[in-house]
Amino acid sequence: MIELEQVKEQIKNYVIEIADSRSLELLDLLATGKMLRSKLVLKIAGVTDESIKLCAVIEMIHASSLLHDDVIDEADTRRGSPSINALFDNKTAIMFGDILYSKAFTQLTTMPSDIAYNISNAVTLLSVGEMLDVDLSKDFNNSYDKYLDMIYKKTSSLIEASAKSAASLSGKNQDVFALYGKNLGIAFQMIDDILDITQDSATLGKPAMLDFVEGKVTIPYLLMWERLDSSDKLKLEGLYKKPLDEDELKWIKDNMNSTKALQDSMILASKFGTEAIEVIKDEDNEELKNIMKSMIERSF
């Protein structure tokens, strides 16, 4: 999409305004993702100077959160490329993340107050979600409600705010599009969690089944745990946060299938996707439905 190239150029211009060559160098090393949030804003608000600037701010905030995430997770790859913390060190990744956050908030001050509030409030929720994620990784979490609360805050809140802000820019119903964004975000994260199990390392750009080793009990593991007998529950808990050999990986995958945990995780993610599409049924925006469809059916 040519519009996404405009967003990337706007991000670069914002970083150029910082007048720091090191920041520009680091920006060039950031791996570019699917830019879901920008696609969403542009499909709701159309392509204008204001919407491109909004997208740039949102992408800078998202990139910053990922830089911090990689430090927390001790990740050495991001989207199949070396992460900034792996290329340099944790301090560089954290400070560059702070620079992107700060510049994004500087630009937010030039935008309408409701949009500035939507986005900045989402960043607070995102940060709380990051902390919840860390807390939940300390022990085996078997609570669906805690998992759902965490993925809403960590992932969905910024997507929700992006859709709501795009609606504000274009004079559309903010509540409708906020709910669409919220459900899209939850479905998006659930699909990510499923793909960690179903896809290989080359497709994911990171080791497969890494989430569980890192202490993340995601929706497929939650459903599987609920359906295992007491001895197998204990076995799964015993595999938590440890390097898994081939037999252990096979045991998990076999039980994912026999308990239908993977199948039902996909059904649950699709349910959130269907609810997102249902809420915008009167908006006559086929492209937003296609965003949801392609997101549910993606392989990475």
Protein backbone atom coordinates (compact mmCIF):
# COMPACT_ATOMS: atom_id res chain seq x y z
CA MET A 1 0.00 0.00 0.00
CA ILE A 2 1.43 3.35 -1.06
CA GLU A 3 -0.28 4.93 1.96
CA LEU A 4 1.83 2.82 4.33
CA GLU A 5 4.96 4.14 2.62
CA GLN A 6 3.67 7.64 3.41
CA VAL A 7 3.34 6.62 7.06
CA LYS A 8 6.93 5.30 7.10
CA GLU A 9 8.13 8.54 5.52
CA GLN A 10 6.26 10.58 8.14
CA ILE A 11 7.87 8.54 10.93
CA LYS A 12 11.27 9.19 9.38
CA ASN A 13 10.51 12.92 9.18
CA TYR A 14 9.52 12.98 12.84
CA VAL A 15 12.79 11.28 13.78
CA ILE A 16 14.74 13.68 11.57
CA GLU A 17 13.15 16.54 13.56
CA ILE A 18 14.81 15.14 16.69
CA ALA A 19 18.16 16.07 15.09
CA ASP A 20 19.95 13.01 16.39
CA SER A 21 21.81 10.87 13.84
CA ARG A 22 21.94 7.88 16.19
CA SER A 23 18.14 7.75 16.40
CA LEU A 24 17.90 7.84 12.61
CA GLU A 25 20.42 5.00 12.36
CA LEU A 26 18.43 2.89 14.82
CA LEU A 27 15.17 3.64 13.01
CA ASP A 28 16.61 2.13 9.83
CA LEU A 29 17.34 -1.08 11.74
CA LEU A 30 13.79 -1.54 13.03
CA ALA A 31 11.97 -4.42 11.37
CA THR A 32 8.67 -3.30 9.82
CA GLY A 33 5.60 -5.34 10.71
CA LYS A 34 2.11 -5.63 9.27
CA MET A 35 1.19 -2.06 10.33
CA LEU A 36 -2.29 -3.26 11.30
CA ARG A 37 -3.04 -0.12 13.28
CA SER A 38 -2.21 2.15 10.34
CA LYS A 39 -4.28 0.06 7.95
CA LEU A 40 -7.17 0.36 10.35
CA VAL A 41 -6.87 4.15 10.71
CA LEU A 42 -6.61 4.68 6.95
CA LYS A 43 -9.61 2.44 6.19
CA ILE A 44 -11.75 4.35 8.70
CA ALA A 45 -10.54 7.93 8.22
CA GLY A 46 -9.24 7.84 4.66
CA VAL A 47 -5.85 9.12 3.55
CA THR A 48 -5.28 12.70 4.68
CA ASP A 49 -2.35 14.59 6.19
CA GLU A 50 -3.99 14.22 9.60
CA SER A 51 -4.58 10.48 9.30
CA ILE A 52 -1.02 9.85 8.07
CA LYS A 53 0.36 11.80 11.06
CA LEU A 54 -1.91 9.87 13.43
CA CYS A 55 -0.68 6.60 11.94
CA ALA A 56 2.94 7.68 12.37
CA VAL A 57 2.39 8.52 16.04
CA ILE A 58 0.65 5.20 16.68
CA GLU A 59 3.35 3.19 14.88
CA MET A 60 6.08 4.96 16.87
CA ILE A 61 4.30 4.10 20.12
CA HIS A 62 3.85 0.50 19.00
CA ALA A 63 7.51 0.23 17.94
CA SER A 64 8.58 1.64 21.30
CA SER A 65 6.52 -0.93 23.19
CA LEU A 66 8.12 -3.72 21.14
CA LEU A 67 11.62 -2.40 21.87
CA HIS A 68 10.83 -2.55 25.57
CA ASP A 69 9.14 -5.94 25.13
CA ASP A 70 12.25 -7.43 23.55
CA VAL A 71 14.33 -6.33 26.53
CA ILE A 72 11.83 -7.80 29.01
CA ASP A 73 11.62 -11.08 27.05
CA GLU A 74 15.37 -11.15 26.32
CA ALA A 75 14.44 -11.67 22.67
CA ASP A 76 17.18 -11.64 20.07
CA THR A 77 14.95 -11.52 17.00
CA ARG A 78 12.01 -9.39 15.94
CA ARG A 79 10.05 -10.31 12.79
CA GLY A 80 12.89 -12.53 11.64
CA SER A 81 15.57 -9.85 12.02
CA PRO A 82 17.98 -9.21 14.89
CA SER A 83 16.36 -7.09 17.61
CA ILE A 84 17.93 -3.77 18.65
CA ASN A 85 18.87 -5.18 22.05
CA ALA A 86 20.64 -8.08 20.31
CA LEU A 87 22.43 -5.81 17.83
CA PHE A 88 23.54 -3.40 20.54
CA ASP A 89 22.41 -3.77 24.15
CA ASN A 90 19.40 -3.40 26.44
CA LYS A 91 20.21 0.18 27.33
CA THR A 92 20.19 1.24 23.67
CA ALA A 93 16.87 -0.50 23.05
CA ILE A 94 15.24 1.05 26.12
CA MET A 95 16.48 4.56 25.41
CA PHE A 96 15.53 4.42 21.73
CA GLY A 97 12.09 3.22 22.79
CA ASP A 98 11.87 6.19 25.14
CA ILE A 99 12.88 8.55 22.32
CA LEU A 100 10.13 7.19 20.06
CA TYR A 101 7.57 7.40 22.89
CA SER A 102 8.57 10.96 23.72
CA LYS A 103 8.49 12.18 20.14
CA ALA A 104 5.11 10.52 19.58
CA PHE A 105 3.71 12.28 22.64
CA THR A 106 5.19 15.58 21.44
CA GLN A 107 3.26 15.18 18.18
CA LEU A 108 0.12 14.14 20.06
CA THR A 109 0.05 17.59 21.71
CA THR A 110 -0.60 19.10 18.26
CA MET A 111 -3.67 16.90 17.65
CA PRO A 112 -7.30 17.33 18.78
CA SER A 113 -7.63 16.82 22.54
CA ASP A 114 -9.92 13.78 22.32
CA ILE A 115 -7.48 11.98 20.04
CA ALA A 116 -4.54 12.90 22.27
CA TYR A 117 -6.48 11.50 25.25
CA ASN A 118 -7.52 8.30 23.44
CA ILE A 119 -3.97 7.44 22.43
CA SER A 120 -2.21 8.51 25.63
CA ASN A 121 -4.75 6.63 27.78
CA ALA A 122 -4.17 3.52 25.66
CA VAL A 123 -0.43 3.81 26.30
CA THR A 124 -1.14 3.78 30.04
CA LEU A 125 -3.25 0.64 29.60
CA LEU A 126 -0.58 -0.88 27.36
CA SER A 127 2.05 -0.29 30.03
CA VAL A 128 -0.17 -1.83 32.71
CA GLY A 129 -0.71 -4.77 30.35
CA GLU A 130 3.06 -5.20 29.99
CA MET A 131 3.38 -5.33 33.77
CA LEU A 132 0.50 -7.81 34.04
CA ASP A 133 2.23 -9.98 31.44
CA VAL A 134 5.40 -9.99 33.53
CA ASP A 135 3.46 -10.77 36.71
CA LEU A 136 1.50 -13.60 35.07
CA SER A 137 4.73 -15.20 33.86
CA LYS A 138 6.00 -15.74 37.41
CA ASP A 139 3.72 -18.73 38.02
CA PHE A 140 1.49 -20.97 35.89
CA ASN A 141 -1.65 -18.90 35.25
CA ASN A 142 -4.85 -20.93 34.85
CA SER A 143 -7.23 -17.95 34.85
CA TYR A 144 -8.89 -17.07 31.53
CA ASP A 145 -10.11 -13.75 32.98
CA LYS A 146 -6.56 -12.69 33.88
CA TYR A 147 -5.32 -13.70 30.43
CA LEU A 148 -8.12 -11.78 28.70
CA ASP A 149 -7.56 -8.67 30.84
CA MET A 150 -3.84 -8.76 30.06
CA ILE A 151 -4.21 -9.12 26.27
CA TYR A 152 -6.86 -6.40 26.20
CA LYS A 153 -4.56 -3.94 27.92
CA LYS A 154 -1.28 -4.99 26.32
CA THR A 155 -2.44 -5.42 22.71
CA SER A 156 -6.06 -4.48 22.16
CA SER A 157 -6.18 -1.10 23.93
CA LEU A 158 -4.00 0.68 21.36
CA ILE A 159 -5.90 -0.89 18.44
CA GLU A 160 -9.17 0.19 20.10
CA ALA A 161 -7.83 3.75 20.54
CA SER A 162 -6.56 3.82 16.94
CA ALA A 163 -9.99 2.95 15.56
CA LYS A 164 -11.76 5.39 17.90
CA SER A 165 -9.36 8.21 16.99
CA ALA A 166 -9.76 7.52 13.28
CA ALA A 167 -13.53 7.75 13.74
CA SER A 168 -13.08 11.07 15.52
CA LEU A 169 -10.97 12.41 12.64
CA SER A 170 -13.64 11.47 10.11
CA GLY A 171 -16.75 12.37 12.09
CA LYS A 172 -17.93 8.77 12.50
CA ASN A 173 -19.43 6.96 15.49
CA GLN A 174 -16.51 6.62 17.90
CA ASP A 175 -18.14 4.04 20.16
CA VAL A 176 -18.90 1.71 17.26
CA PHE A 177 -15.37 1.82 15.88
CA ALA A 178 -13.82 1.58 19.35
CA LEU A 179 -15.70 -1.68 19.93
CA TYR A 180 -14.63 -2.94 16.51
CA GLY A 181 -10.99 -2.14 17.37
CA LYS A 182 -11.22 -3.76 20.80
CA ASN A 183 -12.54 -7.04 19.40
CA LEU A 184 -10.07 -6.92 16.51
CA GLY A 185 -7.22 -6.49 18.98
CA ILE A 186 -8.28 -9.40 21.17
CA ALA A 187 -8.75 -11.67 18.15
CA PHE A 188 -5.38 -10.54 16.76
CA GLN A 189 -3.53 -11.49 19.96
CA MET A 190 -5.31 -14.83 20.26
CA ILE A 191 -4.32 -15.69 16.69
CA ASP A 192 -0.71 -14.72 17.52
CA ASP A 193 -0.83 -17.06 20.50
CA ILE A 194 -2.20 -19.91 18.36
CA LEU A 195 0.40 -19.39 15.61
CA ASP A 196 3.18 -19.72 18.19
CA ILE A 197 2.12 -23.37 18.44
CA THR A 198 1.00 -24.21 14.90
CA GLN A 199 3.68 -22.52 12.77
CA ASP A 200 7.35 -23.35 12.35
CA SER A 201 10.25 -21.12 13.36
CA ALA A 202 11.02 -19.99 9.80
CA THR A 203 7.46 -18.74 9.30
CA LEU A 204 7.27 -17.01 12.67
CA GLY A 205 10.72 -15.41 12.54
CA LYS A 206 11.33 -16.69 16.10
CA PRO A 207 11.53 -20.13 17.74
CA ALA A 208 8.21 -21.98 17.60
CA MET A 209 6.39 -22.69 20.89
CA LEU A 210 8.52 -20.05 22.61
CA ASP A 211 5.63 -18.50 24.56
CA PHE A 212 5.29 -21.37 27.05
CA VAL A 213 9.06 -21.57 27.61
CA GLU A 214 9.04 -17.82 28.36
CA GLY A 215 6.25 -18.22 30.90
CA LYS A 216 3.25 -17.21 28.81
CA VAL A 217 0.18 -19.39 29.40
CA THR A 218 -1.82 -18.40 26.34
CA ILE A 219 -5.34 -19.38 25.31
CA PRO A 220 -4.49 -22.83 23.80
CA TYR A 221 -2.61 -23.84 26.96
CA LEU A 222 -5.42 -22.52 29.17
CA LEU A 223 -8.06 -24.57 27.34
CA MET A 224 -5.80 -27.63 27.27
CA TRP A 225 -5.09 -27.36 31.01
CA GLU A 226 -8.82 -27.10 31.81
CA ARG A 227 -9.50 -30.35 29.91
CA LEU A 228 -6.64 -32.51 31.20
CA ASP A 229 -7.01 -34.92 34.09
CA SER A 230 -5.27 -34.04 37.36
CA SER A 231 -2.05 -35.97 36.64
CA ASP A 232 -1.67 -34.45 33.17
CA LYS A 233 -2.43 -31.01 34.61
CA LEU A 234 0.56 -31.50 36.90
CA LYS A 235 2.69 -32.70 33.98
CA LEU A 236 1.86 -29.57 31.95
CA GLU A 237 2.62 -27.34 34.92
CA GLY A 238 5.93 -29.19 35.32
CA LEU A 239 6.90 -28.34 31.73
CA TYR A 240 6.19 -24.64 32.29
CA LYS A 241 9.17 -22.32 31.72
CA LYS A 242 11.64 -25.05 30.90
CA PRO A 243 13.45 -25.94 27.65
CA LEU A 244 11.34 -28.58 25.92
CA ASP A 245 12.76 -31.63 24.16
CA GLU A 246 11.10 -33.25 21.14
CA ASP A 247 9.08 -35.73 23.24
CA GLU A 248 7.74 -32.95 25.45
CA LEU A 249 6.85 -30.78 22.46
CA LYS A 250 5.05 -33.75 20.90
CA TRP A 251 3.17 -34.46 24.14
CA ILE A 252 1.92 -30.87 24.26
CA LYS A 253 0.89 -30.84 20.60
CA ASP A 254 -0.82 -34.23 20.86
CA ASN A 255 -2.83 -33.06 23.86
CA MET A 256 -3.63 -29.75 22.18
CA ASN A 257 -5.28 -31.80 19.46
CA SER A 258 -6.91 -34.49 21.60
CA THR A 259 -8.50 -31.90 23.93
CA LYS A 260 -9.45 -29.73 20.91
CA ALA A 261 -7.74 -26.82 22.67
CA LEU A 262 -6.26 -25.48 19.42
CA GLN A 263 -9.50 -25.91 17.51
CA ASP A 264 -11.55 -24.18 20.20
CA SER A 265 -8.97 -21.39 20.59
CA MET A 266 -9.44 -20.61 16.90
CA ILE A 267 -13.22 -20.68 17.34
CA LEU A 268 -12.94 -18.25 20.25
CA ALA A 269 -10.67 -15.89 18.28
CA SER A 270 -13.09 -16.07 15.35
CA LYS A 271 -15.97 -15.25 17.73
CA PHE A 272 -14.27 -11.97 18.70
CA GLY A 273 -13.66 -11.33 14.99
CA THR A 274 -17.32 -11.98 14.15
CA GLU A 275 -18.41 -9.60 16.92
CA ALA A 276 -16.11 -6.92 15.49
CA ILE A 277 -17.65 -7.31 12.04
CA GLU A 278 -21.18 -7.35 13.48
CA VAL A 279 -20.72 -4.00 15.25
CA ILE A 280 -19.83 -2.22 11.97
CA LYS A 281 -22.48 -3.94 9.83
CA ASP A 282 -24.25 -0.61 9.20
CA GLU A 283 -21.06 1.27 8.31
CA ASP A 284 -20.79 -0.06 4.73
CA ASN A 285 -17.04 -0.59 5.01
CA GLU A 286 -16.16 -3.87 3.31
CA GLU A 287 -12.44 -3.24 3.71
CA LEU A 288 -12.67 -3.35 7.51
CA LYS A 289 -14.34 -6.74 7.21
CA ASN A 290 -11.48 -7.84 4.95
CA ILE A 291 -8.90 -6.68 7.51
CA MET A 292 -10.53 -8.93 10.08
CA LYS A 293 -10.83 -11.85 7.66
CA SER A 294 -7.18 -11.66 6.56
CA MET A 295 -6.03 -11.30 10.16
CA ILE A 296 -7.93 -14.42 11.27
CA GLU A 297 -6.66 -16.45 8.30
CA ARG A 298 -3.00 -15.30 8.43
CA SER A 299 -0.11 -17.71 8.90
CA PHE A 300 2.30 -15.32 10.69
